Amino acid sequence: MKKQLFGLLLFLLPYISVAAEHGIQLEKANINLKDKASLQRGAILFSNYCMACHSLKYMRYNRIARDLGWTDDEIIKKMAYGQAKPVDDVMTRMLPGVAMEVLGTKVPDLSLMARLKGPDYIYTFLKGFEYDEKTKKWDNKVLHGTAMPNILEDVQRQAPKEKYDQDVRDITNFLDYVGEPIKLERQSLGWKVMLFLFIFFIITYLLKKEYWRDIKH
């Protein structure tokens, strides 16, 4: 029992530490990995707004295409704009050295960001940009002083709030998928394994009763 509780604590620790570290209430992302339309929109939004700086170096275009219901030609057209091959990793369009020169820091790869921080953190971070009228600069309530600009500034200023929230949710959904592409399959398999173990337990218990019923204790 102690080992099970310890394992659960290790699983929840990244999410607990994120909230505690920043002293903020994370907003619920309310994403759905089964929503392929959302994942497709998120992939396109990521390409348009995030790939100028960020990479997904552990993902290939053809893997995303297969999971999201696109052909290889479609994903190259929608995400790479003809500048990559289906077998290529999803890499930033930023030239080497530009990040340090312009932003003063290295830009993190986002392949595992959802696994590290959780989708609620990503969703809250993307919505956490606030404009300071005094300094005439953007800052982020989740990560003060971040070098990352408000990539969805135009959407936030001009589009309806529902559209802005949905765009953020779609990007978050896509990054959650990228962090563990096999997540839905793993969860489905997990329930099947638990059902098998439950049935096996019942059979084992009945066999035990049958074998021991004539034995006096």
N, C-alpha and C. Protein backbone atom coordinates (compact mmCIF):
# COMPACT_ATOMS: atom_id res chain seq x y z
N MET A 1 0.83 -1.21 0.00
CA MET A 1 0.00 0.00 0.00
C MET A 1 0.87 1.26 0.00
N LYS A 2 1.94 1.20 0.80
CA LYS A 2 2.84 2.35 0.86
C LYS A 2 3.51 2.59 -0.49
N LYS A 3 3.87 1.49 -1.17
CA LYS A 3 4.51 1.63 -2.48
C LYS A 3 3.55 2.25 -3.48
N GLN A 4 2.27 1.87 -3.39
CA GLN A 4 1.27 2.43 -4.30
C GLN A 4 1.08 3.92 -4.07
N LEU A 5 1.02 4.31 -2.78
CA LEU A 5 0.88 5.72 -2.45
C LEU A 5 2.10 6.52 -2.89
N PHE A 6 3.27 5.91 -2.74
CA PHE A 6 4.51 6.57 -3.15
C PHE A 6 4.53 6.77 -4.66
N GLY A 7 4.08 5.73 -5.40
CA GLY A 7 4.01 5.85 -6.85
C GLY A 7 3.05 6.93 -7.29
N LEU A 8 1.89 7.03 -6.61
CA LEU A 8 0.91 8.06 -6.92
C LEU A 8 1.48 9.45 -6.65
N LEU A 9 2.24 9.58 -5.56
CA LEU A 9 2.85 10.86 -5.22
C LEU A 9 3.86 11.28 -6.27
N LEU A 10 4.65 10.33 -6.75
CA LEU A 10 5.63 10.64 -7.80
C LEU A 10 4.96 11.09 -9.08
N PHE A 11 3.79 10.47 -9.37
CA PHE A 11 3.05 10.85 -10.58
C PHE A 11 2.49 12.26 -10.47
N LEU A 12 2.00 12.63 -9.28
CA LEU A 12 1.36 13.93 -9.10
C LEU A 12 2.34 15.04 -8.77
N LEU A 13 3.57 14.69 -8.39
CA LEU A 13 4.53 15.68 -7.92
C LEU A 13 4.79 16.81 -8.91
N PRO A 14 4.98 16.52 -10.22
CA PRO A 14 5.22 17.64 -11.14
C PRO A 14 4.08 18.64 -11.17
N TYR A 15 2.84 18.16 -11.09
CA TYR A 15 1.67 19.04 -11.15
C TYR A 15 1.53 19.84 -9.85
N ILE A 16 1.82 19.18 -8.72
CA ILE A 16 1.75 19.87 -7.43
C ILE A 16 2.82 20.93 -7.34
N SER A 17 4.05 20.59 -7.77
CA SER A 17 5.16 21.53 -7.65
C SER A 17 4.99 22.72 -8.56
N VAL A 18 4.41 22.51 -9.74
CA VAL A 18 4.18 23.63 -10.66
C VAL A 18 3.27 24.67 -10.03
N ALA A 19 2.16 24.23 -9.46
CA ALA A 19 1.22 25.16 -8.85
C ALA A 19 1.84 25.84 -7.63
N ALA A 20 2.56 25.06 -6.82
CA ALA A 20 3.15 25.62 -5.61
C ALA A 20 4.26 26.59 -5.93
N GLU A 21 5.06 26.25 -6.94
CA GLU A 21 6.20 27.09 -7.31
C GLU A 21 5.77 28.48 -7.72
N HIS A 22 4.71 28.58 -8.47
CA HIS A 22 4.30 29.87 -9.01
C HIS A 22 3.23 30.55 -8.17
N GLY A 23 2.69 29.84 -7.19
CA GLY A 23 1.70 30.44 -6.31
C GLY A 23 0.47 30.93 -7.02
N ILE A 24 0.06 30.24 -8.07
CA ILE A 24 -1.11 30.65 -8.83
C ILE A 24 -2.07 29.47 -8.98
N GLN A 25 -3.30 29.80 -9.30
CA GLN A 25 -4.30 28.78 -9.57
C GLN A 25 -4.32 28.50 -11.07
N LEU A 26 -3.90 27.32 -11.44
CA LEU A 26 -3.88 26.98 -12.86
C LEU A 26 -5.29 26.80 -13.39
N GLU A 27 -5.54 27.34 -14.58
CA GLU A 27 -6.83 27.17 -15.22
C GLU A 27 -6.92 25.78 -15.84
N LYS A 28 -8.11 25.22 -15.83
CA LYS A 28 -8.32 23.93 -16.44
C LYS A 28 -8.31 24.06 -17.96
N ALA A 29 -7.47 23.26 -18.60
CA ALA A 29 -7.37 23.33 -20.05
C ALA A 29 -8.60 22.71 -20.73
N ASN A 30 -9.18 21.70 -20.10
CA ASN A 30 -10.36 21.02 -20.65
C ASN A 30 -10.14 20.57 -22.09
N ILE A 31 -9.01 19.91 -22.31
CA ILE A 31 -8.68 19.44 -23.65
C ILE A 31 -9.23 18.03 -23.86
N ASN A 32 -9.24 17.60 -25.11
CA ASN A 32 -9.76 16.29 -25.46
C ASN A 32 -8.91 15.70 -26.58
N LEU A 33 -8.09 14.72 -26.26
CA LEU A 33 -7.21 14.13 -27.25
C LEU A 33 -7.96 13.36 -28.33
N LYS A 34 -9.24 13.07 -28.09
CA LYS A 34 -10.04 12.39 -29.10
C LYS A 34 -10.59 13.35 -30.15
N ASP A 35 -10.47 14.65 -29.88
CA ASP A 35 -10.98 15.67 -30.80
C ASP A 35 -9.93 15.96 -31.87
N LYS A 36 -9.99 15.24 -32.99
CA LYS A 36 -8.97 15.40 -34.03
C LYS A 36 -9.04 16.77 -34.70
N ALA A 37 -10.23 17.33 -34.76
CA ALA A 37 -10.35 18.67 -35.35
C ALA A 37 -9.57 19.68 -34.52
N SER A 38 -9.65 19.56 -33.19
CA SER A 38 -8.89 20.44 -32.30
C SER A 38 -7.39 20.21 -32.46
N LEU A 39 -6.98 18.94 -32.56
CA LEU A 39 -5.56 18.63 -32.73
C LEU A 39 -5.04 19.17 -34.06
N GLN A 40 -5.85 19.08 -35.10
CA GLN A 40 -5.43 19.62 -36.40
C GLN A 40 -5.29 21.13 -36.35
N ARG A 41 -6.27 21.79 -35.72
CA ARG A 41 -6.16 23.26 -35.58
C ARG A 41 -4.94 23.61 -34.74
N GLY A 42 -4.70 22.85 -33.68
CA GLY A 42 -3.56 23.11 -32.81
C GLY A 42 -2.24 22.95 -33.54
N ALA A 43 -2.15 21.95 -34.41
CA ALA A 43 -0.93 21.74 -35.18
C ALA A 43 -0.66 22.92 -36.11
N ILE A 44 -1.69 23.41 -36.76
CA ILE A 44 -1.53 24.55 -37.67
C ILE A 44 -1.19 25.81 -36.89
N LEU A 45 -1.86 26.02 -35.75
CA LEU A 45 -1.55 27.18 -34.91
C LEU A 45 -0.13 27.11 -34.39
N PHE A 46 0.30 25.91 -33.99
CA PHE A 46 1.68 25.76 -33.51
C PHE A 46 2.67 26.12 -34.61
N SER A 47 2.38 25.67 -35.83
CA SER A 47 3.25 25.99 -36.95
C SER A 47 3.29 27.49 -37.21
N ASN A 48 2.14 28.14 -37.15
CA ASN A 48 2.06 29.56 -37.48
C ASN A 48 2.63 30.47 -36.40
N TYR A 49 2.44 30.09 -35.14
CA TYR A 49 2.80 31.00 -34.04
C TYR A 49 4.01 30.56 -33.22
N CYS A 50 4.33 29.28 -33.21
CA CYS A 50 5.35 28.78 -32.29
C CYS A 50 6.64 28.32 -32.96
N MET A 51 6.55 27.84 -34.19
CA MET A 51 7.73 27.24 -34.81
C MET A 51 8.75 28.27 -35.27
N ALA A 52 8.43 29.53 -35.19
CA ALA A 52 9.45 30.55 -35.45
C ALA A 52 10.58 30.44 -34.43
N CYS A 53 10.25 29.89 -33.26
CA CYS A 53 11.26 29.75 -32.20
C CYS A 53 11.42 28.31 -31.72
N HIS A 54 10.31 27.58 -31.59
CA HIS A 54 10.32 26.29 -30.91
C HIS A 54 10.34 25.11 -31.88
N SER A 55 10.91 24.00 -31.39
CA SER A 55 10.94 22.75 -32.13
C SER A 55 10.14 21.68 -31.40
N LEU A 56 9.87 20.61 -32.13
CA LEU A 56 9.33 19.37 -31.56
C LEU A 56 10.24 18.25 -32.08
N LYS A 57 11.46 18.23 -31.59
CA LYS A 57 12.51 17.41 -32.19
C LYS A 57 12.29 15.91 -32.04
N TYR A 58 11.37 15.51 -31.16
CA TYR A 58 11.10 14.08 -31.00
C TYR A 58 9.89 13.62 -31.83
N MET A 59 9.39 14.48 -32.69
CA MET A 59 8.25 14.13 -33.54
C MET A 59 8.62 14.32 -35.00
N ARG A 60 8.10 13.42 -35.82
CA ARG A 60 8.26 13.55 -37.27
C ARG A 60 6.92 13.95 -37.88
N TYR A 61 7.01 14.63 -39.00
CA TYR A 61 5.79 15.10 -39.66
C TYR A 61 4.88 13.93 -40.02
N ASN A 62 5.45 12.83 -40.52
CA ASN A 62 4.60 11.73 -40.96
C ASN A 62 3.90 11.03 -39.79
N ARG A 63 4.50 11.07 -38.60
CA ARG A 63 3.83 10.50 -37.43
C ARG A 63 2.62 11.35 -37.04
N ILE A 64 2.80 12.66 -37.06
CA ILE A 64 1.68 13.56 -36.77
C ILE A 64 0.58 13.38 -37.79
N ALA A 65 0.96 13.29 -39.06
CA ALA A 65 -0.02 13.11 -40.13
C ALA A 65 -0.84 11.85 -39.91
N ARG A 66 -0.17 10.75 -39.58
CA ARG A 66 -0.86 9.48 -39.38
C ARG A 66 -1.84 9.55 -38.21
N ASP A 67 -1.43 10.18 -37.13
CA ASP A 67 -2.28 10.25 -35.94
C ASP A 67 -3.43 11.24 -36.08
N LEU A 68 -3.21 12.31 -36.84
CA LEU A 68 -4.22 13.38 -36.94
C LEU A 68 -5.12 13.23 -38.16
N GLY A 69 -4.88 12.22 -38.98
CA GLY A 69 -5.77 11.97 -40.11
C GLY A 69 -5.43 12.74 -41.37
N TRP A 70 -4.15 13.12 -41.52
CA TRP A 70 -3.71 13.81 -42.73
C TRP A 70 -2.85 12.88 -43.57
N THR A 71 -2.71 13.19 -44.84
CA THR A 71 -1.72 12.53 -45.68
C THR A 71 -0.38 13.24 -45.48
N ASP A 72 0.69 12.60 -45.96
CA ASP A 72 2.01 13.22 -45.85
C ASP A 72 2.05 14.55 -46.60
N ASP A 73 1.42 14.58 -47.75
CA ASP A 73 1.41 15.82 -48.54
C ASP A 73 0.65 16.93 -47.81
N GLU A 74 -0.45 16.56 -47.15
CA GLU A 74 -1.26 17.56 -46.44
C GLU A 74 -0.50 18.18 -45.28
N ILE A 75 0.20 17.37 -44.50
CA ILE A 75 0.89 17.95 -43.34
C ILE A 75 2.07 18.81 -43.76
N ILE A 76 2.75 18.43 -44.83
CA ILE A 76 3.86 19.26 -45.31
C ILE A 76 3.33 20.60 -45.79
N LYS A 77 2.14 20.58 -46.40
CA LYS A 77 1.53 21.82 -46.88
C LYS A 77 1.02 22.67 -45.72
N LYS A 78 0.41 22.03 -44.71
CA LYS A 78 -0.22 22.77 -43.62
C LYS A 78 0.76 23.22 -42.54
N MET A 79 1.79 22.42 -42.26
CA MET A 79 2.71 22.74 -41.16
C MET A 79 4.08 23.21 -41.62
N ALA A 80 4.59 22.61 -42.70
CA ALA A 80 5.96 22.94 -43.14
C ALA A 80 6.00 23.85 -44.34
N TYR A 81 4.85 24.08 -44.95
CA TYR A 81 4.75 24.96 -46.11
C TYR A 81 5.75 24.58 -47.21
N GLY A 82 5.88 23.26 -47.39
CA GLY A 82 6.73 22.75 -48.46
C GLY A 82 8.21 22.81 -48.18
N GLN A 83 8.60 23.16 -46.94
CA GLN A 83 10.02 23.36 -46.62
C GLN A 83 10.64 22.16 -45.91
N ALA A 84 9.95 21.02 -45.87
CA ALA A 84 10.49 19.84 -45.19
C ALA A 84 9.95 18.59 -45.87
N LYS A 85 10.46 17.44 -45.44
CA LYS A 85 10.00 16.16 -45.94
C LYS A 85 9.18 15.47 -44.86
N PRO A 86 8.29 14.56 -45.23
CA PRO A 86 7.46 13.88 -44.23
C PRO A 86 8.26 13.15 -43.16
N VAL A 87 9.46 12.66 -43.51
CA VAL A 87 10.27 11.92 -42.53
C VAL A 87 11.11 12.84 -41.63
N ASP A 88 11.08 14.13 -41.87
CA ASP A 88 11.88 15.07 -41.08
C ASP A 88 11.28 15.28 -39.71
N ASP A 89 12.15 15.59 -38.74
CA ASP A 89 11.68 16.01 -37.43
C ASP A 89 11.10 17.42 -37.52
N VAL A 90 10.21 17.75 -36.60
CA VAL A 90 9.58 19.07 -36.61
C VAL A 90 10.52 20.06 -35.92
N MET A 91 11.26 20.80 -36.70
CA MET A 91 12.29 21.69 -36.16
C MET A 91 11.90 23.16 -36.37
N THR A 92 12.47 24.00 -35.52
CA THR A 92 12.21 25.43 -35.58
C THR A 92 12.71 26.03 -36.90
N ARG A 93 12.08 27.13 -37.27
CA ARG A 93 12.53 27.86 -38.46
C ARG A 93 13.59 28.89 -38.11
N MET A 94 13.87 29.04 -36.82
CA MET A 94 14.87 30.02 -36.39
C MET A 94 16.28 29.52 -36.72
N LEU A 95 17.11 30.38 -37.26
CA LEU A 95 18.47 30.03 -37.60
C LEU A 95 19.32 29.87 -36.33
N PRO A 96 20.33 29.01 -36.35
CA PRO A 96 21.18 28.82 -35.17
C PRO A 96 21.82 30.12 -34.71
N GLY A 97 21.81 30.34 -33.40
CA GLY A 97 22.44 31.52 -32.83
C GLY A 97 21.54 32.73 -32.70
N VAL A 98 20.42 32.74 -33.40
CA VAL A 98 19.53 33.90 -33.39
C VAL A 98 18.85 34.05 -32.03
N ALA A 99 18.51 32.95 -31.39
CA ALA A 99 17.82 33.01 -30.11
C ALA A 99 18.64 33.75 -29.06
N MET A 100 19.92 33.41 -28.95
CA MET A 100 20.77 34.08 -27.96
C MET A 100 20.95 35.55 -28.31
N GLU A 101 21.02 35.85 -29.59
CA GLU A 101 21.24 37.23 -30.02
C GLU A 101 20.01 38.09 -29.80
N VAL A 102 18.83 37.55 -30.07
CA VAL A 102 17.60 38.33 -30.00
C VAL A 102 16.93 38.23 -28.63
N LEU A 103 16.84 37.00 -28.10
CA LEU A 103 16.12 36.78 -26.85
C LEU A 103 17.03 36.70 -25.63
N GLY A 104 18.30 36.47 -25.87
CA GLY A 104 19.24 36.39 -24.76
C GLY A 104 19.19 35.08 -24.01
N THR A 105 18.57 34.07 -24.59
CA THR A 105 18.47 32.76 -23.94
C THR A 105 18.20 31.70 -24.98
N LYS A 106 18.44 30.45 -24.61
CA LYS A 106 18.13 29.35 -25.51
C LYS A 106 16.63 29.08 -25.46
N VAL A 107 16.09 28.71 -26.59
CA VAL A 107 14.66 28.42 -26.67
C VAL A 107 14.44 26.93 -26.44
N PRO A 108 13.57 26.57 -25.49
CA PRO A 108 13.39 25.14 -25.19
C PRO A 108 12.62 24.41 -26.28
N ASP A 109 12.98 23.15 -26.46
CA ASP A 109 12.18 22.27 -27.31
C ASP A 109 10.91 21.91 -26.53
N LEU A 110 9.78 21.82 -27.24
CA LEU A 110 8.49 21.63 -26.56
C LEU A 110 7.93 20.22 -26.70
N SER A 111 8.75 19.29 -27.16
CA SER A 111 8.27 17.92 -27.35
C SER A 111 7.68 17.33 -26.08
N LEU A 112 8.32 17.55 -24.96
CA LEU A 112 7.91 16.93 -23.71
C LEU A 112 7.40 17.94 -22.69
N MET A 113 7.10 19.14 -23.13
CA MET A 113 6.67 20.18 -22.20
C MET A 113 5.38 19.80 -21.47
N ALA A 114 4.45 19.18 -22.17
CA ALA A 114 3.20 18.79 -21.53
C ALA A 114 3.43 17.70 -20.49
N ARG A 115 4.40 16.82 -20.73
CA ARG A 115 4.73 15.79 -19.75
C ARG A 115 5.40 16.41 -18.54
N LEU A 116 6.19 17.44 -18.76
CA LEU A 116 6.93 18.08 -17.68
C LEU A 116 6.06 18.98 -16.82
N LYS A 117 5.27 19.82 -17.47
CA LYS A 117 4.50 20.83 -16.76
C LYS A 117 3.01 20.51 -16.63
N GLY A 118 2.48 19.74 -17.57
CA GLY A 118 1.05 19.47 -17.56
C GLY A 118 0.30 20.42 -18.46
N PRO A 119 -0.81 19.97 -19.06
CA PRO A 119 -1.57 20.83 -19.98
C PRO A 119 -2.17 22.06 -19.31
N ASP A 120 -2.56 21.96 -18.04
CA ASP A 120 -3.14 23.13 -17.36
C ASP A 120 -2.11 24.25 -17.25
N TYR A 121 -0.85 23.90 -17.01
CA TYR A 121 0.21 24.91 -16.94
C TYR A 121 0.38 25.60 -18.29
N ILE A 122 0.44 24.81 -19.37
CA ILE A 122 0.62 25.38 -20.70
C ILE A 122 -0.54 26.31 -21.03
N TYR A 123 -1.75 25.86 -20.76
CA TYR A 123 -2.95 26.66 -21.05
C TYR A 123 -2.91 27.97 -20.26
N THR A 124 -2.59 27.88 -18.97
CA THR A 124 -2.54 29.08 -18.13
C THR A 124 -1.42 30.01 -18.55
N PHE A 125 -0.28 29.44 -18.92
CA PHE A 125 0.85 30.25 -19.35
C PHE A 125 0.51 31.03 -20.62
N LEU A 126 -0.07 30.36 -21.60
CA LEU A 126 -0.39 31.03 -22.86
C LEU A 126 -1.44 32.13 -22.67
N LYS A 127 -2.31 31.95 -21.68
CA LYS A 127 -3.31 32.98 -21.39
C LYS A 127 -2.84 33.98 -20.34
N GLY A 128 -1.63 33.77 -19.83
CA GLY A 128 -1.16 34.59 -18.71
C GLY A 128 -0.45 35.87 -19.08
N PHE A 129 -0.41 36.23 -20.35
CA PHE A 129 0.27 37.46 -20.75
C PHE A 129 -0.58 38.67 -20.43
N GLU A 130 0.05 39.67 -19.81
CA GLU A 130 -0.62 40.91 -19.41
C GLU A 130 0.20 42.10 -19.88
N TYR A 131 -0.49 43.11 -20.39
CA TYR A 131 0.21 44.30 -20.90
C TYR A 131 0.29 45.36 -19.82
N ASP A 132 1.51 45.80 -19.54
CA ASP A 132 1.74 46.82 -18.53
C ASP A 132 1.75 48.20 -19.22
N GLU A 133 0.75 49.01 -18.92
CA GLU A 133 0.64 50.33 -19.55
C GLU A 133 1.79 51.25 -19.15
N LYS A 134 2.37 51.04 -17.97
CA LYS A 134 3.47 51.89 -17.50
C LYS A 134 4.75 51.61 -18.27
N THR A 135 5.09 50.34 -18.37
CA THR A 135 6.34 49.97 -19.05
C THR A 135 6.16 49.76 -20.54
N LYS A 136 4.89 49.70 -20.95
CA LYS A 136 4.57 49.44 -22.36
C LYS A 136 5.17 48.11 -22.82
N LYS A 137 5.15 47.13 -21.92
CA LYS A 137 5.68 45.81 -22.24
C LYS A 137 4.71 44.72 -21.77
N TRP A 138 4.86 43.57 -22.39
CA TRP A 138 4.09 42.40 -21.98
C TRP A 138 4.87 41.62 -20.93
N ASP A 139 4.15 41.05 -19.98
CA ASP A 139 4.73 40.15 -19.00
C ASP A 139 3.77 38.98 -18.82
N ASN A 140 4.24 37.97 -18.11
CA ASN A 140 3.40 36.78 -17.91
C ASN A 140 3.28 36.49 -16.42
N LYS A 141 2.04 36.35 -15.96
CA LYS A 141 1.80 36.14 -14.53
C LYS A 141 2.30 34.79 -14.06
N VAL A 142 2.43 33.83 -14.95
CA VAL A 142 2.93 32.51 -14.58
C VAL A 142 4.44 32.49 -14.51
N LEU A 143 5.09 33.18 -15.43
CA LEU A 143 6.55 33.22 -15.46
C LEU A 143 6.99 34.65 -15.73
N HIS A 144 7.13 35.42 -14.65
CA HIS A 144 7.50 36.83 -14.78
C HIS A 144 8.88 36.98 -15.42
N GLY A 145 8.97 37.92 -16.34
CA GLY A 145 10.24 38.18 -16.99
C GLY A 145 10.58 37.23 -18.12
N THR A 146 9.61 36.42 -18.54
CA THR A 146 9.88 35.49 -19.62
C THR A 146 10.30 36.22 -20.89
N ALA A 147 11.23 35.61 -21.62
CA ALA A 147 11.69 36.21 -22.87
C ALA A 147 10.70 35.96 -24.01
N MET A 148 9.76 35.06 -23.78
CA MET A 148 8.80 34.72 -24.83
C MET A 148 7.78 35.83 -25.00
N PRO A 149 7.54 36.28 -26.22
CA PRO A 149 6.52 37.31 -26.45
C PRO A 149 5.12 36.70 -26.41
N ASN A 150 4.13 37.55 -26.38
CA ASN A 150 2.75 37.08 -26.42
C ASN A 150 2.41 36.73 -27.87
N ILE A 151 2.59 35.47 -28.22
CA ILE A 151 2.47 35.06 -29.62
C ILE A 151 1.05 35.21 -30.15
N LEU A 152 0.05 35.17 -29.26
CA LEU A 152 -1.34 35.29 -29.69
C LEU A 152 -1.89 36.69 -29.43
N GLU A 153 -1.02 37.68 -29.42
CA GLU A 153 -1.44 39.05 -29.10
C GLU A 153 -2.53 39.53 -30.04
N ASP A 154 -2.37 39.31 -31.33
CA ASP A 154 -3.36 39.77 -32.30
C ASP A 154 -4.72 39.11 -32.06
N VAL A 155 -4.70 37.82 -31.78
CA VAL A 155 -5.95 37.11 -31.51
C VAL A 155 -6.58 37.62 -30.22
N GLN A 156 -5.77 37.82 -29.20
CA GLN A 156 -6.27 38.30 -27.91
C GLN A 156 -6.89 39.68 -28.02
N ARG A 157 -6.30 40.54 -28.85
CA ARG A 157 -6.79 41.91 -28.97
C ARG A 157 -8.01 42.02 -29.90
N GLN A 158 -8.04 41.24 -30.95
CA GLN A 158 -9.02 41.47 -32.01
C GLN A 158 -10.14 40.43 -32.07
N ALA A 159 -9.85 39.19 -31.71
CA ALA A 159 -10.86 38.14 -31.85
C ALA A 159 -11.75 38.06 -30.62
N PRO A 160 -12.94 37.49 -30.74
CA PRO A 160 -13.78 37.27 -29.56
C PRO A 160 -13.07 36.38 -28.55
N LYS A 161 -13.41 36.54 -27.29
CA LYS A 161 -12.76 35.77 -26.23
C LYS A 161 -12.90 34.27 -26.47
N GLU A 162 -14.05 33.84 -26.98
CA GLU A 162 -14.26 32.42 -27.22
C GLU A 162 -13.26 31.88 -28.25
N LYS A 163 -12.98 32.69 -29.27
CA LYS A 163 -12.01 32.28 -30.30
C LYS A 163 -10.61 32.22 -29.72
N TYR A 164 -10.26 33.20 -28.92
CA TYR A 164 -8.94 33.23 -28.29
C TYR A 164 -8.76 32.03 -27.36
N ASP A 165 -9.74 31.77 -26.51
CA ASP A 165 -9.67 30.63 -25.59
C ASP A 165 -9.55 29.31 -26.36
N GLN A 166 -10.29 29.20 -27.45
CA GLN A 166 -10.25 27.97 -28.23
C GLN A 166 -8.90 27.77 -28.89
N ASP A 167 -8.30 28.85 -29.40
CA ASP A 167 -6.98 28.74 -30.01
C ASP A 167 -5.95 28.27 -28.98
N VAL A 168 -6.00 28.84 -27.79
CA VAL A 168 -5.08 28.43 -26.73
C VAL A 168 -5.32 26.96 -26.37
N ARG A 169 -6.58 26.58 -26.29
CA ARG A 169 -6.92 25.19 -25.95
C ARG A 169 -6.44 24.23 -27.05
N ASP A 170 -6.56 24.63 -28.30
CA ASP A 170 -6.12 23.77 -29.41
C ASP A 170 -4.60 23.57 -29.39
N ILE A 171 -3.86 24.63 -29.14
CA ILE A 171 -2.40 24.51 -29.05
C ILE A 171 -2.02 23.61 -27.89
N THR A 172 -2.69 23.80 -26.75
CA THR A 172 -2.42 22.97 -25.58
C THR A 172 -2.74 21.51 -25.86
N ASN A 173 -3.85 21.27 -26.52
CA ASN A 173 -4.25 19.90 -26.87
C ASN A 173 -3.20 19.25 -27.76
N PHE A 174 -2.71 20.00 -28.74
CA PHE A 174 -1.70 19.48 -29.65
C PHE A 174 -0.41 19.15 -28.90
N LEU A 175 0.02 20.03 -28.00
CA LEU A 175 1.25 19.78 -27.25
C LEU A 175 1.10 18.60 -26.29
N ASP A 176 -0.11 18.41 -25.76
CA ASP A 176 -0.34 17.25 -24.90
C ASP A 176 -0.24 15.97 -25.72
N TYR A 177 -0.77 15.99 -26.93
CA TYR A 177 -0.63 14.84 -27.83
C TYR A 177 0.83 14.58 -28.14
N VAL A 178 1.59 15.63 -28.47
CA VAL A 178 3.00 15.48 -28.83
C VAL A 178 3.79 14.88 -27.67
N GLY A 179 3.46 15.26 -26.44
CA GLY A 179 4.18 14.75 -25.28
C GLY A 179 4.04 13.26 -25.10
N GLU A 180 2.93 12.70 -25.53
CA GLU A 180 2.72 11.24 -25.44
C GLU A 180 1.73 10.82 -26.53
N PRO A 181 2.21 10.60 -27.75
CA PRO A 181 1.30 10.28 -28.85
C PRO A 181 0.48 9.01 -28.63
N ILE A 182 0.98 8.12 -27.78
CA ILE A 182 0.31 6.84 -27.56
C ILE A 182 -0.59 6.87 -26.33
N LYS A 183 -0.85 8.05 -25.80
CA LYS A 183 -1.57 8.18 -24.53
C LYS A 183 -2.96 7.53 -24.56
N LEU A 184 -3.74 7.78 -25.59
CA LEU A 184 -5.08 7.21 -25.67
C LEU A 184 -5.02 5.69 -25.74
N GLU A 185 -4.07 5.18 -26.53
CA GLU A 185 -3.92 3.73 -26.64
C GLU A 185 -3.49 3.13 -25.30
N ARG A 186 -2.59 3.83 -24.60
CA ARG A 186 -2.14 3.34 -23.29
C ARG A 186 -3.29 3.30 -22.30
N GLN A 187 -4.10 4.34 -22.28
CA GLN A 187 -5.23 4.37 -21.35
C GLN A 187 -6.24 3.29 -21.68
N SER A 188 -6.51 3.07 -22.97
CA SER A 188 -7.43 2.02 -23.37
C SER A 188 -6.90 0.65 -22.98
N LEU A 189 -5.62 0.43 -23.21
CA LEU A 189 -5.01 -0.85 -22.85
C LEU A 189 -5.01 -1.05 -21.34
N GLY A 190 -4.82 0.04 -20.59
CA GLY A 190 -4.81 -0.06 -19.13
C GLY A 190 -6.12 -0.60 -18.58
N TRP A 191 -7.25 -0.11 -19.10
CA TRP A 191 -8.55 -0.61 -18.64
C TRP A 191 -8.73 -2.08 -18.99
N LYS A 192 -8.24 -2.49 -20.17
CA LYS A 192 -8.35 -3.88 -20.57
C LYS A 192 -7.52 -4.77 -19.65
N VAL A 193 -6.34 -4.30 -19.30
CA VAL A 193 -5.48 -5.08 -18.39
C VAL A 193 -6.14 -5.19 -17.02
N MET A 194 -6.71 -4.09 -16.52
CA MET A 194 -7.37 -4.12 -15.22
C MET A 194 -8.57 -5.07 -15.24
N LEU A 195 -9.32 -5.08 -16.33
CA LEU A 195 -10.45 -5.99 -16.46
C LEU A 195 -9.97 -7.44 -16.48
N PHE A 196 -8.89 -7.70 -17.22
CA PHE A 196 -8.34 -9.06 -17.26
C PHE A 196 -7.91 -9.51 -15.86
N LEU A 197 -7.21 -8.62 -15.14
CA LEU A 197 -6.74 -8.98 -13.80
C LEU A 197 -7.91 -9.24 -12.85
N PHE A 198 -8.99 -8.46 -13.00
CA PHE A 198 -10.16 -8.66 -12.16
C PHE A 198 -10.80 -10.01 -12.43
N ILE A 199 -10.97 -10.35 -13.72
CA ILE A 199 -11.55 -11.65 -14.07
C ILE A 199 -10.64 -12.79 -13.62
N PHE A 200 -9.34 -12.60 -13.81
CA PHE A 200 -8.38 -13.62 -13.39
C PHE A 200 -8.42 -13.82 -11.88
N PHE A 201 -8.60 -12.73 -11.14
CA PHE A 201 -8.70 -12.82 -9.68
C PHE A 201 -9.92 -13.63 -9.28
N ILE A 202 -11.05 -13.39 -9.92
CA ILE A 202 -12.28 -14.13 -9.61
C ILE A 202 -12.09 -15.62 -9.88
N ILE A 203 -11.49 -15.92 -11.04
CA ILE A 203 -11.25 -17.33 -11.39
C ILE A 203 -10.32 -17.98 -10.38
N THR A 204 -9.26 -17.26 -10.01
CA THR A 204 -8.30 -17.80 -9.04
C THR A 204 -8.96 -18.03 -7.69
N TYR A 205 -9.80 -17.13 -7.27
CA TYR A 205 -10.49 -17.27 -5.99
C TYR A 205 -11.43 -18.47 -6.00
N LEU A 206 -12.16 -18.67 -7.08
CA LEU A 206 -13.06 -19.81 -7.19
C LEU A 206 -12.29 -21.13 -7.22
N LEU A 207 -11.15 -21.14 -7.93
CA LEU A 207 -10.32 -22.34 -7.94
C LEU A 207 -9.77 -22.67 -6.56
N LYS A 208 -9.39 -21.61 -5.86
CA LYS A 208 -8.87 -21.81 -4.50
C LYS A 208 -9.93 -22.43 -3.61
N LYS A 209 -11.16 -21.95 -3.69
CA LYS A 209 -12.25 -22.49 -2.89
C LYS A 209 -12.52 -23.95 -3.27
N GLU A 210 -12.42 -24.26 -4.56
CA GLU A 210 -12.67 -25.62 -5.01
C GLU A 210 -11.60 -26.58 -4.51
N TYR A 211 -10.34 -26.14 -4.57
CA TYR A 211 -9.24 -27.00 -4.15
C TYR A 211 -9.22 -27.23 -2.64
N TRP A 212 -9.64 -26.24 -1.88
CA TRP A 212 -9.49 -26.30 -0.43
C TRP A 212 -10.79 -26.66 0.31
N ARG A 213 -11.86 -26.92 -0.40
CA ARG A 213 -13.12 -27.10 0.29
C ARG A 213 -13.18 -28.37 1.13
N ASP A 214 -12.43 -29.42 0.72
CA ASP A 214 -12.45 -30.68 1.46
C ASP A 214 -11.29 -30.80 2.45
N ILE A 215 -10.50 -29.74 2.54
CA ILE A 215 -9.35 -29.78 3.46
C ILE A 215 -9.75 -29.13 4.78
N LYS A 216 -9.54 -29.87 5.86
CA LYS A 216 -9.88 -29.33 7.18
C LYS A 216 -8.73 -28.47 7.69
N HIS A 217 -9.10 -27.35 8.32
CA HIS A 217 -8.09 -26.44 8.86
C HIS A 217 -7.96 -26.65 10.37
